[in-house]
PDB file of all heavy atoms in Angstrom:
ATOM      1  N   CYS A   1      65.835 114.208 200.532  1.00  0.00           N
ATOM      2  CA  CYS A   1      65.839 112.828 201.138  1.00  0.00           C
ATOM      3  C   CYS A   1      67.122 112.601 201.992  1.00  0.00           C
ATOM      4  O   CYS A   1      68.283 112.990 201.524  1.00  0.00           O
ATOM      5  CB  CYS A   1      65.725 111.699 200.083  1.00  0.00           C
ATOM      6  SG  CYS A   1      64.362 111.728 198.978  1.00  0.00           S
ATOM      7  N   ALA A   2      66.925 112.138 203.167  1.00  0.00           N
ATOM      8  CA  ALA A   2      67.993 111.882 204.081  1.00  0.00           C
ATOM      9  C   ALA A   2      68.732 110.693 203.641  1.00  0.00           C
ATOM     10  O   ALA A   2      68.267 109.787 203.105  1.00  0.00           O
ATOM     11  CB  ALA A   2      67.232 111.642 205.497  1.00  0.00           C
ATOM     12  N   SER A   3      69.945 110.832 203.992  1.00  0.00           N
ATOM     13  CA  SER A   3      70.831 109.717 203.672  1.00  0.00           C
ATOM     14  C   SER A   3      71.255 109.098 205.057  1.00  0.00           C
ATOM     15  O   SER A   3      71.796 109.650 205.904  1.00  0.00           O
ATOM     16  CB  SER A   3      72.254 110.143 203.108  1.00  0.00           C
ATOM     17  OG  SER A   3      73.135 109.029 202.916  1.00  0.00           O
ATOM     18  N   TRP A   4      70.640 107.882 205.292  1.00  0.00           N
ATOM     19  CA  TRP A   4      70.703 107.256 206.629  1.00  0.00           C
ATOM     20  C   TRP A   4      71.904 106.462 206.828  1.00  0.00           C
ATOM     21  O   TRP A   4      72.225 105.838 205.943  1.00  0.00           O
ATOM     22  CB  TRP A   4      69.446 106.346 206.762  1.00  0.00           C
ATOM     23  CG  TRP A   4      68.152 107.047 206.643  1.00  0.00           C
ATOM     24  CD1 TRP A   4      67.309 107.017 205.621  1.00  0.00           C
ATOM     25  CD2 TRP A   4      67.510 108.071 207.603  1.00  0.00           C
ATOM     26  NE1 TRP A   4      66.320 107.858 205.833  1.00  0.00           N
ATOM     27  CE2 TRP A   4      66.367 108.425 207.014  1.00  0.00           C
ATOM     28  CE3 TRP A   4      67.976 108.500 208.815  1.00  0.00           C
ATOM     29  CZ2 TRP A   4      65.607 109.440 207.667  1.00  0.00           C
ATOM     30  CZ3 TRP A   4      67.233 109.451 209.452  1.00  0.00           C
ATOM     31  CH2 TRP A   4      66.103 109.885 208.814  1.00  0.00           C
ATOM     32  N   ALA A   5      72.510 106.576 208.045  1.00  0.00           N
ATOM     33  CA  ALA A   5      73.692 105.699 208.474  1.00  0.00           C
ATOM     34  C   ALA A   5      73.167 104.293 208.614  1.00  0.00           C
ATOM     35  O   ALA A   5      71.988 104.018 208.878  1.00  0.00           O
ATOM     36  CB  ALA A   5      74.114 106.216 209.769  1.00  0.00           C
ATOM     37  N   SER A   6      74.031 103.289 208.357  1.00  0.00           N
ATOM     38  CA  SER A   6      73.723 101.880 208.483  1.00  0.00           C
ATOM     39  C   SER A   6      74.415 101.363 209.621  1.00  0.00           C
ATOM     40  O   SER A   6      75.673 101.536 209.754  1.00  0.00           O
ATOM     41  CB  SER A   6      74.028 101.230 207.143  1.00  0.00           C
ATOM     42  OG  SER A   6      73.660  99.829 207.320  1.00  0.00           O
ATOM     43  N   TYR A   7      73.845 100.719 210.428  1.00  0.00           N
ATOM     44  CA  TYR A   7      74.503 100.145 211.718  1.00  0.00           C
ATOM     45  C   TYR A   7      74.416  98.578 211.593  1.00  0.00           C
ATOM     46  O   TYR A   7      73.450  97.973 211.189  1.00  0.00           O
ATOM     47  CB  TYR A   7      73.702 100.560 212.864  1.00  0.00           C
ATOM     48  CG  TYR A   7      73.704 102.051 213.122  1.00  0.00           C
ATOM     49  CD1 TYR A   7      72.779 102.818 212.682  1.00  0.00           C
ATOM     50  CD2 TYR A   7      74.822 102.571 213.798  1.00  0.00           C
ATOM     51  CE1 TYR A   7      72.758 104.149 212.897  1.00  0.00           C
ATOM     52  CE2 TYR A   7      74.879 104.043 213.950  1.00  0.00           C
ATOM     53  CZ  TYR A   7      73.887 104.817 213.403  1.00  0.00           C
ATOM     54  OH  TYR A   7      73.706 106.157 213.539  1.00  0.00           O
ATOM     55  N   SER A   8      75.541  97.962 211.935  1.00  0.00           N
ATOM     56  CA  SER A   8      75.743  96.525 211.899  1.00  0.00           C
ATOM     57  C   SER A   8      75.476  95.782 213.360  1.00  0.00           C
ATOM     58  O   SER A   8      75.419  94.649 213.326  1.00  0.00           O
ATOM     59  CB  SER A   8      76.903  96.100 211.250  1.00  0.00           C
ATOM     60  OG  SER A   8      78.081  96.501 212.047  1.00  0.00           O
ATOM     61  N   SER A   9      75.469  96.707 214.386  1.00  0.00           N
ATOM     62  CA  SER A   9      75.356  96.067 215.759  1.00  0.00           C
ATOM     63  C   SER A   9      74.609  97.111 216.625  1.00  0.00           C
ATOM     64  O   SER A   9      74.563  98.236 216.406  1.00  0.00           O
ATOM     65  CB  SER A   9      76.675  95.691 216.311  1.00  0.00           C
ATOM     66  OG  SER A   9      77.399  96.997 216.591  1.00  0.00           O
ATOM     67  N   ASP A  10      74.014  96.476 217.768  1.00  0.00           N
ATOM     68  CA  ASP A  10      73.378  97.362 218.705  1.00  0.00           C
ATOM     69  C   ASP A  10      74.400  98.206 219.407  1.00  0.00           C
ATOM     70  O   ASP A  10      73.975  99.331 219.939  1.00  0.00           O
ATOM     71  CB  ASP A  10      72.641  96.445 219.731  1.00  0.00           C
ATOM     72  CG  ASP A  10      71.371  95.807 219.301  1.00  0.00           C
ATOM     73  OD1 ASP A  10      70.893  96.270 218.135  1.00  0.00           O
ATOM     74  OD2 ASP A  10      70.804  94.942 220.023  1.00  0.00           O
ATOM     75  N   GLU A  11      75.669  97.716 219.574  1.00  0.00           N
ATOM     76  CA  GLU A  11      76.717  98.657 220.137  1.00  0.00           C
ATOM     77  C   GLU A  11      76.828  99.798 219.328  1.00  0.00           C
ATOM     78  O   GLU A  11      76.986 100.892 219.885  1.00  0.00           O
ATOM     79  CB  GLU A  11      78.064  97.961 220.249  1.00  0.00           C
ATOM     80  CG  GLU A  11      78.002  96.769 221.317  1.00  0.00           C
ATOM     81  CD  GLU A  11      77.235  95.455 220.782  1.00  0.00           C
ATOM     82  OE1 GLU A  11      77.086  95.286 219.566  1.00  0.00           O
ATOM     83  OE2 GLU A  11      76.737  94.825 221.675  1.00  0.00           O
ATOM     84  N   GLU A  12      76.901  99.759 217.948  1.00  0.00           N
ATOM     85  CA  GLU A  12      76.971 100.988 217.100  1.00  0.00           C
ATOM     86  C   GLU A  12      75.728 101.835 217.223  1.00  0.00           C
ATOM     87  O   GLU A  12      75.820 103.118 217.230  1.00  0.00           O
ATOM     88  CB  GLU A  12      77.197 100.438 215.605  1.00  0.00           C
ATOM     89  CG  GLU A  12      78.437  99.945 215.341  1.00  0.00           C
ATOM     90  CD  GLU A  12      78.597  99.532 213.879  1.00  0.00           C
ATOM     91  OE1 GLU A  12      77.664  99.632 213.061  1.00  0.00           O
ATOM     92  OE2 GLU A  12      79.696  98.906 213.427  1.00  0.00           O
ATOM     93  N   ARG A  13      74.595 101.332 217.370  1.00  0.00           N
ATOM     94  CA  ARG A  13      73.391 102.073 217.420  1.00  0.00           C
ATOM     95  C   ARG A  13      73.458 102.749 218.789  1.00  0.00           C
ATOM     96  O   ARG A  13      73.109 103.969 218.774  1.00  0.00           O
ATOM     97  CB  ARG A  13      72.102 101.087 217.424  1.00  0.00           C
ATOM     98  CG  ARG A  13      71.889 100.488 216.055  1.00  0.00           C
ATOM     99  CD  ARG A  13      70.698  99.510 216.143  1.00  0.00           C
ATOM    100  NE  ARG A  13      70.605  98.828 214.888  1.00  0.00           N
ATOM    101  CZ  ARG A  13      71.299  97.678 214.631  1.00  0.00           C
ATOM    102  NH1 ARG A  13      72.009  97.045 215.609  1.00  0.00           N
ATOM    103  NH2 ARG A  13      71.052  97.043 213.483  1.00  0.00           N
ATOM    104  N   ALA A  14      73.794 102.102 219.797  1.00  0.00           N
ATOM    105  CA  ALA A  14      73.908 102.735 221.131  1.00  0.00           C
ATOM    106  C   ALA A  14      74.898 103.925 221.198  1.00  0.00           C
ATOM    107  O   ALA A  14      74.619 104.888 221.844  1.00  0.00           O
ATOM    108  CB  ALA A  14      74.166 101.677 222.255  1.00  0.00           C
ATOM    109  N   ARG A  15      76.004 103.751 220.553  1.00  0.00           N
ATOM    110  CA  ARG A  15      77.029 104.723 220.521  1.00  0.00           C
ATOM    111  C   ARG A  15      76.517 106.046 219.961  1.00  0.00           C
ATOM    112  O   ARG A  15      76.725 107.131 220.350  1.00  0.00           O
ATOM    113  CB  ARG A  15      78.230 104.260 219.615  1.00  0.00           C
ATOM    114  CG  ARG A  15      79.373 105.279 219.528  1.00  0.00           C
ATOM    115  CD  ARG A  15      80.223 104.964 218.320  1.00  0.00           C
ATOM    116  NE  ARG A  15      79.549 105.074 217.119  1.00  0.00           N
ATOM    117  CZ  ARG A  15      79.716 104.316 216.046  1.00  0.00           C
ATOM    118  NH1 ARG A  15      80.546 103.263 216.094  1.00  0.00           N
ATOM    119  NH2 ARG A  15      78.919 104.376 214.941  1.00  0.00           N
ATOM    120  N   ASP A  16      75.614 105.960 218.914  1.00  0.00           N
ATOM    121  CA  ASP A  16      75.077 107.247 218.286  1.00  0.00           C
ATOM    122  C   ASP A  16      73.813 107.746 218.739  1.00  0.00           C
ATOM    123  O   ASP A  16      73.208 108.797 218.470  1.00  0.00           O
ATOM    124  CB  ASP A  16      74.874 106.957 216.773  1.00  0.00           C
ATOM    125  CG  ASP A  16      76.249 106.981 216.067  1.00  0.00           C
ATOM    126  OD1 ASP A  16      77.380 107.228 216.646  1.00  0.00           O
ATOM    127  OD2 ASP A  16      76.239 106.641 214.887  1.00  0.00           O
ATOM    128  N   ALA A  17      73.182 106.975 219.706  1.00  0.00           N
ATOM    129  CA  ALA A  17      71.866 107.279 220.391  1.00  0.00           C
ATOM    130  C   ALA A  17      72.109 108.131 221.548  1.00  0.00           C
ATOM    131  O   ALA A  17      73.104 107.987 222.274  1.00  0.00           O
ATOM    132  CB  ALA A  17      71.130 106.059 220.709  1.00  0.00           C
ATOM    133  N   VAL A  18      71.197 109.130 221.858  1.00  0.00           N
ATOM    134  CA  VAL A  18      71.293 109.931 223.035  1.00  0.00           C
ATOM    135  C   VAL A  18      70.579 109.124 224.134  1.00  0.00           C
ATOM    136  O   VAL A  18      70.893 109.364 225.363  1.00  0.00           O
ATOM    137  CB  VAL A  18      70.631 111.325 222.994  1.00  0.00           C
ATOM    138  CG1 VAL A  18      71.413 112.138 222.008  1.00  0.00           C
ATOM    139  CG2 VAL A  18      69.092 111.231 222.635  1.00  0.00           C
ATOM    140  N   ALA A  19      69.647 108.168 223.875  1.00  0.00           N
ATOM    141  CA  ALA A  19      68.920 107.298 224.821  1.00  0.00           C
ATOM    142  C   ALA A  19      68.797 105.980 224.275  1.00  0.00           C
ATOM    143  O   ALA A  19      68.425 105.881 223.057  1.00  0.00           O
ATOM    144  CB  ALA A  19      67.777 108.004 225.199  1.00  0.00           C
ATOM    145  N   VAL A  20      68.906 104.933 225.086  1.00  0.00           N
ATOM    146  CA  VAL A  20      68.615 103.681 224.745  1.00  0.00           C
ATOM    147  C   VAL A  20      67.592 103.104 225.832  1.00  0.00           C
ATOM    148  O   VAL A  20      68.139 103.084 227.009  1.00  0.00           O
ATOM    149  CB  VAL A  20      69.754 102.637 224.580  1.00  0.00           C
ATOM    150  CG1 VAL A  20      69.383 101.228 224.170  1.00  0.00           C
ATOM    151  CG2 VAL A  20      70.704 103.230 223.572  1.00  0.00           C
ATOM    152  N   VAL A  21      66.415 102.741 225.540  1.00  0.00           N
ATOM    153  CA  VAL A  21      65.496 102.221 226.496  1.00  0.00           C
ATOM    154  C   VAL A  21      64.767 100.923 226.069  1.00  0.00           C
ATOM    155  O   VAL A  21      64.737 100.635 224.801  1.00  0.00           O
ATOM    156  CB  VAL A  21      64.390 103.347 226.796  1.00  0.00           C
ATOM    157  CG1 VAL A  21      65.101 104.654 227.278  1.00  0.00           C
ATOM    158  CG2 VAL A  21      63.563 103.608 225.555  1.00  0.00           C
ATOM    159  N   VAL A  22      64.232 100.285 226.941  1.00  0.00           N
ATOM    160  CA  VAL A  22      63.479  99.200 226.773  1.00  0.00           C
ATOM    161  C   VAL A  22      61.990  99.514 227.168  1.00  0.00           C
ATOM    162  O   VAL A  22      61.851  99.978 228.223  1.00  0.00           O
ATOM    163  CB  VAL A  22      63.890  97.790 227.478  1.00  0.00           C
ATOM    164  CG1 VAL A  22      62.937  96.696 227.249  1.00  0.00           C
ATOM    165  CG2 VAL A  22      65.300  97.502 226.956  1.00  0.00           C
ATOM    166  N   THR A  23      61.027  99.205 226.276  1.00  0.00           N
ATOM    167  CA  THR A  23      59.676  99.411 226.635  1.00  0.00           C
ATOM    168  C   THR A  23      58.774  98.168 226.287  1.00  0.00           C
ATOM    169  O   THR A  23      59.081  97.519 225.416  1.00  0.00           O
ATOM    170  CB  THR A  23      59.162 100.671 225.810  1.00  0.00           C
ATOM    171  OG1 THR A  23      57.760 100.909 226.139  1.00  0.00           O
ATOM    172  CG2 THR A  23      59.168 100.472 224.265  1.00  0.00           C
ATOM    173  N   ASP A  24      57.676  98.037 227.127  1.00  0.00           N
ATOM    174  CA  ASP A  24      56.690  97.194 226.711  1.00  0.00           C
ATOM    175  C   ASP A  24      55.281  97.817 226.655  1.00  0.00           C
ATOM    176  O   ASP A  24      54.335  97.115 226.629  1.00  0.00           O
ATOM    177  CB  ASP A  24      56.699  95.978 227.716  1.00  0.00           C
ATOM    178  CG  ASP A  24      56.562  96.489 229.135  1.00  0.00           C
ATOM    179  OD1 ASP A  24      56.279  97.682 229.385  1.00  0.00           O
ATOM    180  OD2 ASP A  24      56.732  95.629 230.123  1.00  0.00           O
ATOM    181  N   GLY A  25      55.424  99.125 226.522  1.00  0.00           N
ATOM    182  CA  GLY A  25      54.127  99.902 226.404  1.00  0.00           C
ATOM    183  C   GLY A  25      54.161 100.984 225.446  1.00  0.00           C
ATOM    184  O   GLY A  25      54.964 102.037 225.647  1.00  0.00           O
ATOM    185  N   VAL A  26      53.539 100.877 224.320  1.00  0.00           N
ATOM    186  CA  VAL A  26      53.565 101.816 223.208  1.00  0.00           C
ATOM    187  C   VAL A  26      52.165 102.210 222.868  1.00  0.00           C
ATOM    188  O   VAL A  26      51.390 101.384 222.696  1.00  0.00           O
ATOM    189  CB  VAL A  26      54.330 101.307 221.950  1.00  0.00           C
ATOM    190  CG1 VAL A  26      54.242 102.290 220.879  1.00  0.00           C
ATOM    191  CG2 VAL A  26      55.776 100.940 222.210  1.00  0.00           C
ATOM    192  N   GLU A  27      51.823 103.546 222.902  1.00  0.00           N
ATOM    193  CA  GLU A  27      50.496 104.029 222.670  1.00  0.00           C
ATOM    194  C   GLU A  27      50.574 105.086 221.657  1.00  0.00           C
ATOM    195  O   GLU A  27      51.328 106.024 221.700  1.00  0.00           O
ATOM    196  CB  GLU A  27      49.909 104.550 223.899  1.00  0.00           C
ATOM    197  CG  GLU A  27      48.460 105.014 223.847  1.00  0.00           C
ATOM    198  CD  GLU A  27      48.192 105.578 225.156  1.00  0.00           C
ATOM    199  OE1 GLU A  27      48.363 104.960 226.258  1.00  0.00           O
ATOM    200  OE2 GLU A  27      47.453 106.615 225.326  1.00  0.00           O
TER     201      GLU A  27
END
């Protein structure tokens, strides 16, 4: 089982992400 990091803000999430995108189309 993975041990997941916990993020308290979008800034922390964005720091660890390789990409941050907004979408309105998911299929």
